Amino acid sequence: MAWTHQPGDITQGLQATPLAVDGIVYYAGSFNRVFALDGASGDEIWHYYPQIKDGVEKLPTAPYTRGVAVANGMVFIGTIDGRAIALDQKTGKRCGRPSWWTRSNAAVCSRHLPWPSRAR
């Protein structure tokens, strides 16, 4: 093993598959924490900890995610409180809500794959 990374509470393990893009590993831990790591050294490049809305502790599921998607210079995460968040791939700063997202009352359980934009 070359390196390890501790993303916080992993009582029930990680349930997300990491993605490697151009030598950077992107993955999500519990409570939708997103990390970008140098694939060679394991050094953390950035992290994003979303503010989860109150009431999540009443959900019938654990606070885990199925992962992130990477496309068009952004990292996407669906949160356990039903939001989609787009992050800048290089900095981890929030880019706003993805335009393809529609709000639902359910927690987001699966990885979101953004649709390619249509040429106009």
N, C-alpha and C. Protein backbone atom coordinates (compact mmCIF):
# COMPACT_ATOMS: atom_id res chain seq x y z
N MET A 1 0.85 -1.16 0.00
CA MET A 1 0.00 0.00 0.00
C MET A 1 0.90 1.23 0.00
N ALA A 2 0.66 2.12 -0.94
CA ALA A 2 1.48 3.32 -1.08
C ALA A 2 1.08 4.41 -0.09
N TRP A 3 -0.22 4.57 0.16
CA TRP A 3 -0.70 5.61 1.07
C TRP A 3 -2.14 5.32 1.48
N THR A 4 -2.59 5.98 2.53
CA THR A 4 -3.99 5.90 2.96
C THR A 4 -4.48 7.32 3.24
N HIS A 5 -5.78 7.47 3.26
CA HIS A 5 -6.38 8.77 3.59
C HIS A 5 -7.57 8.52 4.50
N GLN A 6 -7.65 9.25 5.59
CA GLN A 6 -8.74 9.11 6.55
C GLN A 6 -9.75 10.23 6.34
N PRO A 7 -10.96 9.91 5.81
CA PRO A 7 -11.94 10.95 5.50
C PRO A 7 -12.86 11.35 6.64
N GLY A 8 -12.61 10.89 7.84
CA GLY A 8 -13.51 11.17 8.95
C GLY A 8 -14.16 9.87 9.40
N ASP A 9 -15.37 9.96 9.94
CA ASP A 9 -16.09 8.80 10.45
C ASP A 9 -16.37 7.79 9.34
N ILE A 10 -15.88 6.57 9.52
CA ILE A 10 -16.14 5.50 8.55
C ILE A 10 -16.62 4.25 9.28
N THR A 11 -17.46 4.46 10.28
CA THR A 11 -17.96 3.36 11.11
C THR A 11 -18.50 2.21 10.28
N GLN A 12 -19.25 2.50 9.23
CA GLN A 12 -19.81 1.46 8.38
C GLN A 12 -19.05 1.32 7.07
N GLY A 13 -17.83 1.84 7.02
CA GLY A 13 -17.00 1.75 5.83
C GLY A 13 -17.35 2.80 4.80
N LEU A 14 -16.57 2.84 3.74
CA LEU A 14 -16.85 3.75 2.63
C LEU A 14 -17.73 3.03 1.63
N GLN A 15 -18.64 3.75 1.02
CA GLN A 15 -19.56 3.13 0.07
C GLN A 15 -19.48 3.81 -1.28
N ALA A 16 -18.38 4.49 -1.56
CA ALA A 16 -18.22 5.20 -2.82
C ALA A 16 -16.93 4.75 -3.50
N THR A 17 -16.99 4.64 -4.81
CA THR A 17 -15.82 4.28 -5.60
C THR A 17 -15.05 5.54 -5.95
N PRO A 18 -13.76 5.58 -5.66
CA PRO A 18 -12.96 6.76 -6.04
C PRO A 18 -12.85 6.86 -7.56
N LEU A 19 -12.70 8.08 -8.06
CA LEU A 19 -12.46 8.32 -9.48
C LEU A 19 -11.09 8.95 -9.63
N ALA A 20 -10.31 8.48 -10.59
CA ALA A 20 -8.99 9.06 -10.86
C ALA A 20 -9.04 9.76 -12.22
N VAL A 21 -8.69 11.04 -12.22
CA VAL A 21 -8.68 11.84 -13.45
C VAL A 21 -7.36 12.62 -13.48
N ASP A 22 -6.54 12.35 -14.48
CA ASP A 22 -5.27 13.06 -14.66
C ASP A 22 -4.41 13.04 -13.39
N GLY A 23 -4.34 11.91 -12.73
CA GLY A 23 -3.48 11.76 -11.56
C GLY A 23 -4.08 12.25 -10.26
N ILE A 24 -5.29 12.75 -10.28
CA ILE A 24 -5.97 13.22 -9.07
C ILE A 24 -7.08 12.23 -8.74
N VAL A 25 -7.17 11.83 -7.48
CA VAL A 25 -8.21 10.91 -7.02
C VAL A 25 -9.29 11.73 -6.32
N TYR A 26 -10.52 11.57 -6.77
CA TYR A 26 -11.68 12.26 -6.18
C TYR A 26 -12.56 11.20 -5.53
N TYR A 27 -13.00 11.46 -4.30
CA TYR A 27 -13.94 10.53 -3.67
C TYR A 27 -14.72 11.23 -2.58
N ALA A 28 -15.78 10.56 -2.12
CA ALA A 28 -16.64 11.12 -1.08
C ALA A 28 -16.67 10.18 0.11
N GLY A 29 -16.64 10.78 1.31
CA GLY A 29 -16.77 10.03 2.54
C GLY A 29 -18.15 10.25 3.14
N SER A 30 -18.32 9.86 4.39
CA SER A 30 -19.61 10.04 5.04
C SER A 30 -19.96 11.52 5.14
N PHE A 31 -21.27 11.79 5.28
CA PHE A 31 -21.80 13.14 5.33
C PHE A 31 -21.41 13.96 4.10
N ASN A 32 -21.19 13.26 2.97
CA ASN A 32 -20.93 13.89 1.67
C ASN A 32 -19.68 14.75 1.64
N ARG A 33 -18.71 14.41 2.43
CA ARG A 33 -17.43 15.12 2.39
C ARG A 33 -16.69 14.69 1.13
N VAL A 34 -16.22 15.66 0.35
CA VAL A 34 -15.56 15.37 -0.92
C VAL A 34 -14.07 15.70 -0.79
N PHE A 35 -13.23 14.84 -1.36
CA PHE A 35 -11.79 15.00 -1.29
C PHE A 35 -11.16 14.88 -2.66
N ALA A 36 -10.10 15.66 -2.87
CA ALA A 36 -9.24 15.53 -4.05
C ALA A 36 -7.84 15.25 -3.52
N LEU A 37 -7.27 14.15 -3.95
CA LEU A 37 -5.95 13.73 -3.47
C LEU A 37 -4.99 13.53 -4.63
N ASP A 38 -3.72 13.82 -4.38
CA ASP A 38 -2.69 13.51 -5.36
C ASP A 38 -2.57 11.99 -5.43
N GLY A 39 -2.78 11.43 -6.61
CA GLY A 39 -2.79 9.98 -6.74
C GLY A 39 -1.46 9.32 -6.45
N ALA A 40 -0.36 10.02 -6.64
CA ALA A 40 0.96 9.43 -6.41
C ALA A 40 1.35 9.46 -4.93
N SER A 41 1.08 10.58 -4.26
CA SER A 41 1.54 10.74 -2.87
C SER A 41 0.44 10.55 -1.83
N GLY A 42 -0.83 10.73 -2.23
CA GLY A 42 -1.93 10.69 -1.28
C GLY A 42 -2.16 12.00 -0.57
N ASP A 43 -1.36 13.02 -0.90
CA ASP A 43 -1.53 14.33 -0.26
C ASP A 43 -2.88 14.94 -0.64
N GLU A 44 -3.53 15.54 0.34
CA GLU A 44 -4.82 16.17 0.10
C GLU A 44 -4.62 17.49 -0.63
N ILE A 45 -5.29 17.65 -1.76
CA ILE A 45 -5.22 18.88 -2.53
C ILE A 45 -6.29 19.84 -2.04
N TRP A 46 -7.51 19.33 -1.87
CA TRP A 46 -8.59 20.11 -1.31
C TRP A 46 -9.64 19.17 -0.73
N HIS A 47 -10.50 19.74 0.11
CA HIS A 47 -11.66 19.00 0.61
C HIS A 47 -12.84 19.97 0.66
N TYR A 48 -14.03 19.39 0.62
CA TYR A 48 -15.25 20.18 0.74
C TYR A 48 -16.17 19.45 1.70
N TYR A 49 -16.60 20.15 2.75
CA TYR A 49 -17.54 19.60 3.72
C TYR A 49 -18.84 20.40 3.60
N PRO A 50 -19.88 19.83 2.99
CA PRO A 50 -21.13 20.58 2.84
C PRO A 50 -21.83 20.75 4.18
N GLN A 51 -22.58 21.82 4.30
CA GLN A 51 -23.41 22.04 5.48
C GLN A 51 -24.68 21.22 5.26
N ILE A 52 -24.84 20.15 6.02
CA ILE A 52 -26.00 19.28 5.87
C ILE A 52 -27.15 19.86 6.68
N LYS A 53 -28.32 19.87 6.09
CA LYS A 53 -29.50 20.47 6.75
C LYS A 53 -29.96 19.63 7.94
N ASP A 54 -30.58 20.29 8.90
CA ASP A 54 -31.12 19.62 10.08
C ASP A 54 -32.14 18.56 9.67
N GLY A 55 -32.24 17.52 10.47
CA GLY A 55 -33.21 16.47 10.23
C GLY A 55 -32.63 15.24 9.58
N VAL A 56 -31.38 15.31 9.14
CA VAL A 56 -30.75 14.17 8.47
C VAL A 56 -30.64 12.97 9.41
N GLU A 57 -30.49 13.25 10.69
CA GLU A 57 -30.36 12.15 11.65
C GLU A 57 -31.63 11.30 11.72
N LYS A 58 -32.74 11.80 11.18
CA LYS A 58 -34.01 11.05 11.17
C LYS A 58 -34.17 10.20 9.91
N LEU A 59 -33.26 10.33 8.96
CA LEU A 59 -33.34 9.53 7.74
C LEU A 59 -33.18 8.04 8.07
N PRO A 60 -33.83 7.16 7.33
CA PRO A 60 -33.73 5.73 7.60
C PRO A 60 -32.45 5.10 7.05
N THR A 61 -31.51 5.93 6.58
CA THR A 61 -30.26 5.42 6.03
C THR A 61 -29.08 6.04 6.77
N ALA A 62 -27.92 5.43 6.59
CA ALA A 62 -26.69 5.97 7.16
C ALA A 62 -26.26 7.20 6.35
N PRO A 63 -25.38 8.04 6.90
CA PRO A 63 -25.00 9.29 6.22
C PRO A 63 -23.94 9.09 5.14
N TYR A 64 -24.16 8.15 4.25
CA TYR A 64 -23.16 7.83 3.24
C TYR A 64 -23.65 8.19 1.85
N THR A 65 -22.71 8.26 0.93
CA THR A 65 -22.99 8.61 -0.45
C THR A 65 -22.45 7.50 -1.35
N ARG A 66 -22.90 7.48 -2.57
CA ARG A 66 -22.42 6.48 -3.53
C ARG A 66 -21.31 7.03 -4.40
N GLY A 67 -20.93 8.28 -4.20
CA GLY A 67 -19.77 8.78 -4.91
C GLY A 67 -19.97 10.11 -5.60
N VAL A 68 -18.96 10.46 -6.38
CA VAL A 68 -18.94 11.71 -7.11
C VAL A 68 -18.89 11.43 -8.60
N ALA A 69 -19.18 12.44 -9.39
CA ALA A 69 -18.99 12.41 -10.84
C ALA A 69 -18.09 13.57 -11.19
N VAL A 70 -17.26 13.39 -12.21
CA VAL A 70 -16.35 14.44 -12.65
C VAL A 70 -16.60 14.69 -14.13
N ALA A 71 -16.87 15.94 -14.49
CA ALA A 71 -17.09 16.30 -15.89
C ALA A 71 -16.99 17.81 -16.06
N ASN A 72 -16.53 18.23 -17.22
CA ASN A 72 -16.51 19.65 -17.59
C ASN A 72 -15.85 20.54 -16.56
N GLY A 73 -14.77 20.06 -15.93
CA GLY A 73 -14.05 20.86 -14.95
C GLY A 73 -14.72 20.97 -13.60
N MET A 74 -15.72 20.11 -13.36
CA MET A 74 -16.44 20.16 -12.08
C MET A 74 -16.54 18.76 -11.47
N VAL A 75 -16.69 18.74 -10.16
CA VAL A 75 -16.94 17.51 -9.40
C VAL A 75 -18.35 17.65 -8.83
N PHE A 76 -19.20 16.66 -9.07
CA PHE A 76 -20.59 16.70 -8.64
C PHE A 76 -20.83 15.72 -7.51
N ILE A 77 -21.63 16.14 -6.53
CA ILE A 77 -22.01 15.26 -5.42
C ILE A 77 -23.50 15.45 -5.16
N GLY A 78 -24.20 14.35 -4.94
CA GLY A 78 -25.58 14.40 -4.50
C GLY A 78 -25.59 14.20 -3.00
N THR A 79 -26.23 15.09 -2.26
CA THR A 79 -26.15 15.05 -0.80
C THR A 79 -27.30 14.26 -0.16
N ILE A 80 -27.08 13.87 1.07
CA ILE A 80 -28.08 13.07 1.79
C ILE A 80 -29.31 13.89 2.16
N ASP A 81 -29.22 15.21 2.04
CA ASP A 81 -30.40 16.04 2.30
C ASP A 81 -31.06 16.52 1.00
N GLY A 82 -30.76 15.82 -0.12
CA GLY A 82 -31.48 16.03 -1.37
C GLY A 82 -31.00 17.14 -2.26
N ARG A 83 -29.74 17.54 -2.17
CA ARG A 83 -29.22 18.60 -3.02
C ARG A 83 -28.15 18.04 -3.96
N ALA A 84 -27.89 18.74 -5.03
CA ALA A 84 -26.76 18.45 -5.91
C ALA A 84 -25.82 19.64 -5.81
N ILE A 85 -24.55 19.36 -5.66
CA ILE A 85 -23.55 20.41 -5.52
C ILE A 85 -22.49 20.21 -6.58
N ALA A 86 -22.11 21.30 -7.24
CA ALA A 86 -21.03 21.28 -8.22
C ALA A 86 -19.83 22.02 -7.61
N LEU A 87 -18.67 21.38 -7.69
CA LEU A 87 -17.44 21.96 -7.16
C LEU A 87 -16.44 22.15 -8.29
N ASP A 88 -15.63 23.21 -8.20
CA ASP A 88 -14.57 23.41 -9.17
C ASP A 88 -13.56 22.28 -9.02
N GLN A 89 -13.22 21.62 -10.10
CA GLN A 89 -12.35 20.44 -10.06
C GLN A 89 -10.95 20.76 -9.54
N LYS A 90 -10.43 21.94 -9.79
CA LYS A 90 -9.08 22.30 -9.35
C LYS A 90 -9.02 22.83 -7.93
N THR A 91 -10.05 23.57 -7.51
CA THR A 91 -9.98 24.25 -6.21
C THR A 91 -10.90 23.66 -5.14
N GLY A 92 -11.97 22.96 -5.55
CA GLY A 92 -12.94 22.46 -4.59
C GLY A 92 -13.94 23.51 -4.16
N LYS A 93 -13.87 24.70 -4.72
CA LYS A 93 -14.82 25.76 -4.38
C LYS A 93 -16.16 25.47 -5.05
N ARG A 94 -17.22 25.85 -4.38
CA ARG A 94 -18.57 25.61 -4.89
C ARG A 94 -18.85 26.44 -6.13
N CYS A 95 -19.46 25.81 -7.13
CA CYS A 95 -19.77 26.48 -8.40
C CYS A 95 -21.24 26.85 -8.50
N GLY A 96 -22.03 26.53 -7.53
CA GLY A 96 -23.47 26.77 -7.61
C GLY A 96 -24.20 25.47 -7.92
N ARG A 97 -25.50 25.56 -8.07
CA ARG A 97 -26.30 24.38 -8.32
C ARG A 97 -26.22 23.99 -9.79
N PRO A 98 -26.01 22.72 -10.09
CA PRO A 98 -25.98 22.29 -11.49
C PRO A 98 -27.30 22.60 -12.18
N SER A 99 -27.23 23.06 -13.43
CA SER A 99 -28.43 23.47 -14.15
C SER A 99 -29.37 22.31 -14.44
N TRP A 100 -28.85 21.08 -14.46
CA TRP A 100 -29.68 19.92 -14.78
C TRP A 100 -30.41 19.37 -13.56
N TRP A 101 -30.17 19.92 -12.40
CA TRP A 101 -30.74 19.38 -11.17
C TRP A 101 -32.14 19.89 -10.93
N THR A 102 -33.04 18.98 -10.59
CA THR A 102 -34.36 19.38 -10.12
C THR A 102 -34.52 18.86 -8.71
N ARG A 103 -35.08 19.65 -7.86
CA ARG A 103 -35.21 19.31 -6.44
C ARG A 103 -36.21 18.17 -6.23
N SER A 104 -35.86 17.26 -5.35
CA SER A 104 -36.79 16.20 -4.97
C SER A 104 -36.85 16.16 -3.45
N ASN A 105 -37.79 15.41 -2.92
CA ASN A 105 -37.89 15.29 -1.47
C ASN A 105 -37.12 14.10 -0.94
N ALA A 106 -36.48 13.35 -1.82
CA ALA A 106 -35.75 12.16 -1.41
C ALA A 106 -34.26 12.46 -1.29
N ALA A 107 -33.59 11.70 -0.45
CA ALA A 107 -32.14 11.80 -0.37
C ALA A 107 -31.55 11.27 -1.67
N VAL A 108 -30.41 11.79 -2.04
CA VAL A 108 -29.73 11.34 -3.25
C VAL A 108 -28.85 10.17 -2.89
N CYS A 109 -29.11 9.02 -3.49
CA CYS A 109 -28.40 7.80 -3.12
C CYS A 109 -27.41 7.33 -4.18
N SER A 110 -27.59 7.74 -5.41
CA SER A 110 -26.72 7.21 -6.45
C SER A 110 -25.87 8.31 -7.06
N ARG A 111 -24.82 7.88 -7.73
CA ARG A 111 -23.91 8.81 -8.37
C ARG A 111 -24.65 9.49 -9.52
N HIS A 112 -24.45 10.78 -9.68
CA HIS A 112 -25.08 11.53 -10.76
C HIS A 112 -24.09 11.67 -11.90
N LEU A 113 -24.53 11.38 -13.08
CA LEU A 113 -23.72 11.58 -14.26
C LEU A 113 -24.31 12.74 -15.04
N PRO A 114 -23.59 13.83 -15.14
CA PRO A 114 -24.15 15.00 -15.83
C PRO A 114 -24.32 14.74 -17.32
N TRP A 115 -25.38 15.28 -17.88
CA TRP A 115 -25.63 15.14 -19.31
C TRP A 115 -24.75 16.11 -20.05
N PRO A 116 -24.24 15.72 -21.21
CA PRO A 116 -23.45 16.68 -21.99
C PRO A 116 -24.33 17.84 -22.45
N SER A 117 -23.72 19.01 -22.50
CA SER A 117 -24.50 20.17 -22.94
C SER A 117 -24.77 20.07 -24.43
N ARG A 118 -25.91 20.61 -24.84
CA ARG A 118 -26.29 20.57 -26.24
C ARG A 118 -25.76 21.80 -26.97
N ALA A 119 -25.27 21.57 -28.17
CA ALA A 119 -24.80 22.68 -28.99
C ALA A 119 -26.00 23.47 -29.47
N ARG A 120 -25.88 24.77 -29.50
CA ARG A 120 -26.99 25.63 -29.94
C ARG A 120 -26.66 26.27 -31.24
